[in-house]
Amino acid sequence: MIEVLYFAWVRERIGVPREKLETEAATVADLMTELAARGEGYEIAFTNPKGLRAAVDQVLVDMDHPISGAREVAFFPPMTGG
């Protein structure tokens, strides 16, 4: 079981801030593909992976990062400073 967290517009499109799920995904990118297949809001949120950042167990990672053994994966838009 893995907990998936959604922030900012990702959460708005999906409609929930977090959920726990079983996954066969090996990487963050695989998880995104799996999530996109769950319905329209998910598909919209995960259509453009370059518009997202991900963290596994609170560490910023690339989309090809493995998630085996992870407790948490978070998705959020890139941050800007100013």
PDB file of N, CA and C in Angstrom:
ATOM      1  N   MET A   1       0.855  -1.178   0.000  1.00  0.00           N
ATOM      2  CA  MET A   1       0.000   0.000   0.000  1.00  0.00           C
ATOM      3  C   MET A   1       0.898   1.239   0.000  1.00  0.00           C
ATOM      4  N   ILE A   2       0.538   2.210  -0.830  1.00  0.00           N
ATOM      5  CA  ILE A   2       1.298   3.447  -0.916  1.00  0.00           C
ATOM      6  C   ILE A   2       0.332   4.617  -0.786  1.00  0.00           C
ATOM      7  N   GLU A   3       0.780   5.670  -0.130  1.00  0.00           N
ATOM      8  CA  GLU A   3      -0.040   6.872  -0.020  1.00  0.00           C
ATOM      9  C   GLU A   3       0.417   7.860  -1.090  1.00  0.00           C
ATOM     10  N   VAL A   4      -0.551   8.366  -1.854  1.00  0.00           N
ATOM     11  CA  VAL A   4      -0.261   9.320  -2.914  1.00  0.00           C
ATOM     12  C   VAL A   4      -0.869  10.658  -2.513  1.00  0.00           C
ATOM     13  N   LEU A   5      -0.038  11.696  -2.528  1.00  0.00           N
ATOM     14  CA  LEU A   5      -0.469  13.041  -2.146  1.00  0.00           C
ATOM     15  C   LEU A   5      -0.513  13.922  -3.384  1.00  0.00           C
ATOM     16  N   TYR A   6      -1.525  14.795  -3.446  1.00  0.00           N
ATOM     17  CA  TYR A   6      -1.686  15.714  -4.573  1.00  0.00           C
ATOM     18  C   TYR A   6      -1.739  17.144  -4.040  1.00  0.00           C
ATOM     19  N   PHE A   7      -1.014  18.043  -4.705  1.00  0.00           N
ATOM     20  CA  PHE A   7      -0.964  19.435  -4.265  1.00  0.00           C
ATOM     21  C   PHE A   7      -1.354  20.386  -5.388  1.00  0.00           C
ATOM     22  N   ALA A   8      -1.861  21.557  -4.993  1.00  0.00           N
ATOM     23  CA  ALA A   8      -2.189  22.669  -5.898  1.00  0.00           C
ATOM     24  C   ALA A   8      -3.184  22.210  -6.975  1.00  0.00           C
ATOM     25  N   TRP A   9      -2.921  22.559  -8.233  1.00  0.00           N
ATOM     26  CA  TRP A   9      -3.889  22.250  -9.296  1.00  0.00           C
ATOM     27  C   TRP A   9      -4.034  20.749  -9.537  1.00  0.00           C
ATOM     28  N   VAL A  10      -3.042  19.955  -9.156  1.00  0.00           N
ATOM     29  CA  VAL A  10      -3.162  18.497  -9.299  1.00  0.00           C
ATOM     30  C   VAL A  10      -4.315  18.022  -8.408  1.00  0.00           C
ATOM     31  N   ARG A  11      -4.340  18.490  -7.171  1.00  0.00           N
ATOM     32  CA  ARG A  11      -5.411  18.137  -6.231  1.00  0.00           C
ATOM     33  C   ARG A  11      -6.758  18.630  -6.745  1.00  0.00           C
ATOM     34  N   GLU A  12      -6.794  19.828  -7.311  1.00  0.00           N
ATOM     35  CA  GLU A  12      -8.055  20.380  -7.823  1.00  0.00           C
ATOM     36  C   GLU A  12      -8.632  19.524  -8.943  1.00  0.00           C
ATOM     37  N   ARG A  13      -7.788  19.045  -9.827  1.00  0.00           N
ATOM     38  CA  ARG A  13      -8.271  18.232 -10.950  1.00  0.00           C
ATOM     39  C   ARG A  13      -8.717  16.843 -10.507  1.00  0.00           C
ATOM     40  N   ILE A  14      -8.012  16.272  -9.538  1.00  0.00           N
ATOM     41  CA  ILE A  14      -8.345  14.923  -9.080  1.00  0.00           C
ATOM     42  C   ILE A  14      -9.494  14.948  -8.073  1.00  0.00           C
ATOM     43  N   GLY A  15      -9.537  15.966  -7.252  1.00  0.00           N
ATOM     44  CA  GLY A  15     -10.646  16.123  -6.319  1.00  0.00           C
ATOM     45  C   GLY A  15     -10.404  15.606  -4.916  1.00  0.00           C
ATOM     46  N   VAL A  16      -9.219  15.078  -4.662  1.00  0.00           N
ATOM     47  CA  VAL A  16      -8.873  14.614  -3.309  1.00  0.00           C
ATOM     48  C   VAL A  16      -7.434  15.022  -3.007  1.00  0.00           C
ATOM     49  N   PRO A  17      -7.112  15.294  -1.745  1.00  0.00           N
ATOM     50  CA  PRO A  17      -5.742  15.673  -1.417  1.00  0.00           C
ATOM     51  C   PRO A  17      -4.784  14.494  -1.281  1.00  0.00           C
ATOM     52  N   ARG A  18      -5.323  13.305  -1.001  1.00  0.00           N
ATOM     53  CA  ARG A  18      -4.483  12.122  -0.804  1.00  0.00           C
ATOM     54  C   ARG A  18      -5.339  10.877  -0.926  1.00  0.00           C
ATOM     55  N   GLU A  19      -4.676   9.770  -1.206  1.00  0.00           N
ATOM     56  CA  GLU A  19      -5.360   8.479  -1.222  1.00  0.00           C
ATOM     57  C   GLU A  19      -4.333   7.372  -1.049  1.00  0.00           C
ATOM     58  N   LYS A  20      -4.792   6.267  -0.522  1.00  0.00           N
ATOM     59  CA  LYS A  20      -3.934   5.089  -0.379  1.00  0.00           C
ATOM     60  C   LYS A  20      -4.366   4.094  -1.445  1.00  0.00           C
ATOM     61  N   LEU A  21      -3.373   3.472  -2.081  1.00  0.00           N
ATOM     62  CA  LEU A  21      -3.714   2.517  -3.121  1.00  0.00           C
ATOM     63  C   LEU A  21      -2.663   1.440  -3.269  1.00  0.00           C
ATOM     64  N   GLU A  22      -3.079   0.360  -3.862  1.00  0.00           N
ATOM     65  CA  GLU A  22      -2.179  -0.725  -4.246  1.00  0.00           C
ATOM     66  C   GLU A  22      -1.728  -0.430  -5.664  1.00  0.00           C
ATOM     67  N   THR A  23      -0.470  -0.655  -5.966  1.00  0.00           N
ATOM     68  CA  THR A  23       0.029  -0.371  -7.298  1.00  0.00           C
ATOM     69  C   THR A  23       1.019  -1.437  -7.758  1.00  0.00           C
ATOM     70  N   GLU A  24       1.056  -1.635  -9.045  1.00  0.00           N
ATOM     71  CA  GLU A  24       2.038  -2.509  -9.676  1.00  0.00           C
ATOM     72  C   GLU A  24       3.176  -1.681 -10.262  1.00  0.00           C
ATOM     73  N   ALA A  25       3.106  -0.355 -10.132  1.00  0.00           N
ATOM     74  CA  ALA A  25       4.082   0.551 -10.737  1.00  0.00           C
ATOM     75  C   ALA A  25       5.478   0.335 -10.161  1.00  0.00           C
ATOM     76  N   ALA A  26       6.473   0.403 -11.047  1.00  0.00           N
ATOM     77  CA  ALA A  26       7.865   0.266 -10.626  1.00  0.00           C
ATOM     78  C   ALA A  26       8.537   1.619 -10.422  1.00  0.00           C
ATOM     79  N   THR A  27       8.067   2.634 -11.158  1.00  0.00           N
ATOM     80  CA  THR A  27       8.668   3.969 -11.087  1.00  0.00           C
ATOM     81  C   THR A  27       7.578   5.021 -10.913  1.00  0.00           C
ATOM     82  N   VAL A  28       8.004   6.245 -10.655  1.00  0.00           N
ATOM     83  CA  VAL A  28       7.058   7.354 -10.560  1.00  0.00           C
ATOM     84  C   VAL A  28       6.290   7.493 -11.876  1.00  0.00           C
ATOM     85  N   ALA A  29       6.994   7.401 -13.001  1.00  0.00           N
ATOM     86  CA  ALA A  29       6.344   7.520 -14.315  1.00  0.00           C
ATOM     87  C   ALA A  29       5.299   6.415 -14.506  1.00  0.00           C
ATOM     88  N   ASP A  30       5.619   5.205 -14.090  1.00  0.00           N
ATOM     89  CA  ASP A  30       4.652   4.106 -14.185  1.00  0.00           C
ATOM     90  C   ASP A  30       3.417   4.402 -13.345  1.00  0.00           C
ATOM     91  N   LEU A  31       3.625   4.955 -12.167  1.00  0.00           N
ATOM     92  CA  LEU A  31       2.507   5.308 -11.298  1.00  0.00           C
ATOM     93  C   LEU A  31       1.643   6.375 -11.955  1.00  0.00           C
ATOM     94  N   MET A  32       2.275   7.356 -12.586  1.00  0.00           N
ATOM     95  CA  MET A  32       1.518   8.398 -13.281  1.00  0.00           C
ATOM     96  C   MET A  32       0.653   7.795 -14.391  1.00  0.00           C
ATOM     97  N   THR A  33       1.198   6.851 -15.134  1.00  0.00           N
ATOM     98  CA  THR A  33       0.436   6.186 -16.196  1.00  0.00           C
ATOM     99  C   THR A  33      -0.744   5.423 -15.610  1.00  0.00           C
ATOM    100  N   GLU A  34      -0.500   4.728 -14.514  1.00  0.00           N
ATOM    101  CA  GLU A  34      -1.553   3.982 -13.829  1.00  0.00           C
ATOM    102  C   GLU A  34      -2.653   4.921 -13.334  1.00  0.00           C
ATOM    103  N   LEU A  35      -2.247   6.033 -12.744  1.00  0.00           N
ATOM    104  CA  LEU A  35      -3.218   6.993 -12.225  1.00  0.00           C
ATOM    105  C   LEU A  35      -4.023   7.634 -13.349  1.00  0.00           C
ATOM    106  N   ALA A  36      -3.368   7.974 -14.454  1.00  0.00           N
ATOM    107  CA  ALA A  36      -4.053   8.617 -15.581  1.00  0.00           C
ATOM    108  C   ALA A  36      -5.192   7.763 -16.117  1.00  0.00           C
ATOM    109  N   ALA A  37      -5.084   6.450 -15.965  1.00  0.00           N
ATOM    110  CA  ALA A  37      -6.111   5.536 -16.457  1.00  0.00           C
ATOM    111  C   ALA A  37      -7.312   5.438 -15.521  1.00  0.00           C
ATOM    112  N   ARG A  38      -7.272   6.126 -14.385  1.00  0.00           N
ATOM    113  CA  ARG A  38      -8.339   6.002 -13.383  1.00  0.00           C
ATOM    114  C   ARG A  38      -9.562   6.852 -13.672  1.00  0.00           C
ATOM    115  N   GLY A  39      -9.458   7.794 -14.610  1.00  0.00           N
ATOM    116  CA  GLY A  39     -10.615   8.630 -14.918  1.00  0.00           C
ATOM    117  C   GLY A  39     -10.211   9.981 -15.470  1.00  0.00           C
ATOM    118  N   GLU A  40     -11.196  10.773 -15.841  1.00  0.00           N
ATOM    119  CA  GLU A  40     -10.955  12.038 -16.527  1.00  0.00           C
ATOM    120  C   GLU A  40     -10.102  13.023 -15.730  1.00  0.00           C
ATOM    121  N   GLY A  41     -10.392  13.223 -14.457  1.00  0.00           N
ATOM    122  CA  GLY A  41      -9.613  14.157 -13.650  1.00  0.00           C
ATOM    123  C   GLY A  41      -8.156  13.744 -13.541  1.00  0.00           C
ATOM    124  N   TYR A  42      -7.937  12.457 -13.366  1.00  0.00           N
ATOM    125  CA  TYR A  42      -6.572  11.928 -13.298  1.00  0.00           C
ATOM    126  C   TYR A  42      -5.868  12.096 -14.642  1.00  0.00           C
ATOM    127  N   GLU A  43      -6.595  11.778 -15.714  1.00  0.00           N
ATOM    128  CA  GLU A  43      -6.007  11.890 -17.050  1.00  0.00           C
ATOM    129  C   GLU A  43      -5.564  13.326 -17.331  1.00  0.00           C
ATOM    130  N   ILE A  44      -6.404  14.282 -16.974  1.00  0.00           N
ATOM    131  CA  ILE A  44      -6.062  15.692 -17.173  1.00  0.00           C
ATOM    132  C   ILE A  44      -4.834  16.060 -16.332  1.00  0.00           C
ATOM    133  N   ALA A  45      -4.804  15.628 -15.101  1.00  0.00           N
ATOM    134  CA  ALA A  45      -3.699  15.968 -14.201  1.00  0.00           C
ATOM    135  C   ALA A  45      -2.364  15.382 -14.662  1.00  0.00           C
ATOM    136  N   PHE A  46      -2.401  14.205 -15.263  1.00  0.00           N
ATOM    137  CA  PHE A  46      -1.155  13.522 -15.612  1.00  0.00           C
ATOM    138  C   PHE A  46      -0.855  13.482 -17.110  1.00  0.00           C
ATOM    139  N   THR A  47      -1.556  14.297 -17.894  1.00  0.00           N
ATOM    140  CA  THR A  47      -1.332  14.338 -19.338  1.00  0.00           C
ATOM    141  C   THR A  47       0.054  14.842 -19.695  1.00  0.00           C
ATOM    142  N   ASN A  48       0.530  15.853 -18.977  1.00  0.00           N
ATOM    143  CA  ASN A  48       1.826  16.452 -19.289  1.00  0.00           C
ATOM    144  C   ASN A  48       2.794  16.245 -18.124  1.00  0.00           C
ATOM    145  N   PRO A  49       3.547  15.157 -18.120  1.00  0.00           N
ATOM    146  CA  PRO A  49       4.461  14.881 -17.003  1.00  0.00           C
ATOM    147  C   PRO A  49       5.515  15.962 -16.800  1.00  0.00           C
ATOM    148  N   LYS A  50       5.849  16.704 -17.849  1.00  0.00           N
ATOM    149  CA  LYS A  50       6.857  17.760 -17.704  1.00  0.00           C
ATOM    150  C   LYS A  50       6.325  18.922 -16.878  1.00  0.00           C
ATOM    151  N   GLY A  51       5.015  18.983 -16.694  1.00  0.00           N
ATOM    152  CA  GLY A  51       4.410  20.030 -15.876  1.00  0.00           C
ATOM    153  C   GLY A  51       4.264  19.630 -14.424  1.00  0.00           C
ATOM    154  N   LEU A  52       4.873  18.525 -14.038  1.00  0.00           N
ATOM    155  CA  LEU A  52       4.761  18.028 -12.665  1.00  0.00           C
ATOM    156  C   LEU A  52       6.122  17.760 -12.057  1.00  0.00           C
ATOM    157  N   ARG A  53       6.154  17.807 -10.760  1.00  0.00           N
ATOM    158  CA  ARG A  53       7.314  17.369  -9.970  1.00  0.00           C
ATOM    159  C   ARG A  53       6.812  16.254  -9.071  1.00  0.00           C
ATOM    160  N   ALA A  54       7.738  15.438  -8.593  1.00  0.00           N
ATOM    161  CA  ALA A  54       7.362  14.334  -7.713  1.00  0.00           C
ATOM    162  C   ALA A  54       8.369  14.203  -6.578  1.00  0.00           C
ATOM    163  N   ALA A  55       7.872  13.727  -5.460  1.00  0.00           N
ATOM    164  CA  ALA A  55       8.723  13.413  -4.313  1.00  0.00           C
ATOM    165  C   ALA A  55       8.354  12.018  -3.829  1.00  0.00           C
ATOM    166  N   VAL A  56       9.360  11.231  -3.520  1.00  0.00           N
ATOM    167  CA  VAL A  56       9.154   9.900  -2.949  1.00  0.00           C
ATOM    168  C   VAL A  56       9.688   9.944  -1.527  1.00  0.00           C
ATOM    169  N   ASP A  57       8.812   9.648  -0.584  1.00  0.00           N
ATOM    170  CA  ASP A  57       9.153   9.725   0.840  1.00  0.00           C
ATOM    171  C   ASP A  57       9.823  11.061   1.170  1.00  0.00           C
ATOM    172  N   GLN A  58       9.230  12.131   0.630  1.00  0.00           N
ATOM    173  CA  GLN A  58       9.604  13.525   0.899  1.00  0.00           C
ATOM    174  C   GLN A  58      10.961  13.933   0.337  1.00  0.00           C
ATOM    175  N   VAL A  59      11.439  13.209  -0.682  1.00  0.00           N
ATOM    176  CA  VAL A  59      12.678  13.563  -1.368  1.00  0.00           C
ATOM    177  C   VAL A  59      12.342  13.803  -2.837  1.00  0.00           C
ATOM    178  N   LEU A  60      12.680  14.976  -3.357  1.00  0.00           N
ATOM    179  CA  LEU A  60      12.426  15.310  -4.749  1.00  0.00           C
ATOM    180  C   LEU A  60      13.167  14.337  -5.660  1.00  0.00           C
ATOM    181  N   VAL A  61      12.450  13.753  -6.644  1.00  0.00           N
ATOM    182  CA  VAL A  61      13.041  12.729  -7.511  1.00  0.00           C
ATOM    183  C   VAL A  61      12.660  12.964  -8.971  1.00  0.00           C
ATOM    184  N   ASP A  62      13.388  12.301  -9.865  1.00  0.00           N
ATOM    185  CA  ASP A  62      13.032  12.276 -11.281  1.00  0.00           C
ATOM    186  C   ASP A  62      11.908  11.267 -11.487  1.00  0.00           C
ATOM    187  N   MET A  63      11.259  11.368 -12.641  1.00  0.00           N
ATOM    188  CA  MET A  63      10.117  10.496 -12.918  1.00  0.00           C
ATOM    189  C   MET A  63      10.514   9.030 -13.112  1.00  0.00           C
ATOM    190  N   ASP A  64      11.782   8.760 -13.380  1.00  0.00           N
ATOM    191  CA  ASP A  64      12.205   7.368 -13.541  1.00  0.00           C
ATOM    192  C   ASP A  64      12.659   6.736 -12.216  1.00  0.00           C
ATOM    193  N   HIS A  65      12.452   7.456 -11.122  1.00  0.00           N
ATOM    194  CA  HIS A  65      12.850   6.966  -9.800  1.00  0.00           C
ATOM    195  C   HIS A  65      11.982   5.767  -9.387  1.00  0.00           C
ATOM    196  N   PRO A  66      12.581   4.705  -8.854  1.00  0.00           N
ATOM    197  CA  PRO A  66      11.798   3.549  -8.399  1.00  0.00           C
ATOM    198  C   PRO A  66      10.955   3.884  -7.170  1.00  0.00           C
ATOM    199  N   ILE A  67       9.805   3.226  -7.070  1.00  0.00           N
ATOM    200  CA  ILE A  67       8.942   3.454  -5.904  1.00  0.00           C
ATOM    201  C   ILE A  67       8.770   2.188  -5.063  1.00  0.00           C
ATOM    202  N   SER A  68       9.480   1.143  -5.400  1.00  0.00           N
ATOM    203  CA  SER A  68       9.408  -0.084  -4.616  1.00  0.00           C
ATOM    204  C   SER A  68       9.808   0.206  -3.174  1.00  0.00           C
ATOM    205  N   GLY A  69       8.956  -0.166  -2.249  1.00  0.00           N
ATOM    206  CA  GLY A  69       9.233   0.043  -0.831  1.00  0.00           C
ATOM    207  C   GLY A  69       8.902   1.432  -0.317  1.00  0.00           C
ATOM    208  N   ALA A  70       8.484   2.332  -1.207  1.00  0.00           N
ATOM    209  CA  ALA A  70       8.143   3.696  -0.776  1.00  0.00           C
ATOM    210  C   ALA A  70       6.835   3.685   0.009  1.00  0.00           C
ATOM    211  N   ARG A  71       6.748   4.602   0.961  1.00  0.00           N
ATOM    212  CA  ARG A  71       5.517   4.767   1.721  1.00  0.00           C
ATOM    213  C   ARG A  71       4.643   5.862   1.137  1.00  0.00           C
ATOM    214  N   GLU A  72       5.288   6.841   0.446  1.00  0.00           N
ATOM    215  CA  GLU A  72       4.552   8.023  -0.001  1.00  0.00           C
ATOM    216  C   GLU A  72       5.129   8.557  -1.307  1.00  0.00           C
ATOM    217  N   VAL A  73       4.232   8.950  -2.206  1.00  0.00           N
ATOM    218  CA  VAL A  73       4.617   9.651  -3.429  1.00  0.00           C
ATOM    219  C   VAL A  73       3.745  10.893  -3.508  1.00  0.00           C
ATOM    220  N   ALA A  74       4.373  12.037  -3.729  1.00  0.00           N
ATOM    221  CA  ALA A  74       3.636  13.297  -3.824  1.00  0.00           C
ATOM    222  C   ALA A  74       3.824  13.893  -5.210  1.00  0.00           C
ATOM    223  N   PHE A  75       2.744  14.471  -5.744  1.00  0.00           N
ATOM    224  CA  PHE A  75       2.785  15.150  -7.040  1.00  0.00           C
ATOM    225  C   PHE A  75       2.382  16.601  -6.848  1.00  0.00           C
ATOM    226  N   PHE A  76       3.128  17.503  -7.516  1.00  0.00           N
ATOM    227  CA  PHE A  76       2.857  18.929  -7.389  1.00  0.00           C
ATOM    228  C   PHE A  76       3.450  19.654  -8.596  1.00  0.00           C
ATOM    229  N   PRO A  77       2.950  20.865  -8.868  1.00  0.00           N
ATOM    230  CA  PRO A  77       3.513  21.630  -9.980  1.00  0.00           C
ATOM    231  C   PRO A  77       4.897  22.151  -9.607  1.00  0.00           C
ATOM    232  N   PRO A  78       5.712  22.471 -10.622  1.00  0.00           N
ATOM    233  CA  PRO A  78       7.024  23.070 -10.322  1.00  0.00           C
ATOM    234  C   PRO A  78       6.832  24.351  -9.528  1.00  0.00           C
ATOM    235  N   MET A  79       7.736  24.603  -8.621  1.00  0.00           N
ATOM    236  CA  MET A  79       7.666  25.807  -7.793  1.00  0.00           C
ATOM    237  C   MET A  79       8.454  26.937  -8.447  1.00  0.00           C
ATOM    238  N   THR A  80       7.948  28.127  -8.250  1.00  0.00           N
ATOM    239  CA  THR A  80       8.668  29.286  -8.750  1.00  0.00           C
ATOM    240  C   THR A  80       8.961  30.215  -7.589  1.00  0.00           C
ATOM    241  N   GLY A  81      10.018  30.930  -7.707  1.00  0.00           N
ATOM    242  CA  GLY A  81      10.382  31.874  -6.648  1.00  0.00           C
ATOM    243  C   GLY A  81      10.084  33.301  -7.086  1.00  0.00           C
ATOM    244  N   GLY A  82      10.243  34.195  -6.169  1.00  0.00           N
ATOM    245  CA  GLY A  82      10.010  35.566  -6.568  1.00  0.00           C
ATOM    246  C   GLY A  82       9.882  36.490  -5.412  1.00  0.00           C
TER     247      GLY A  82
END
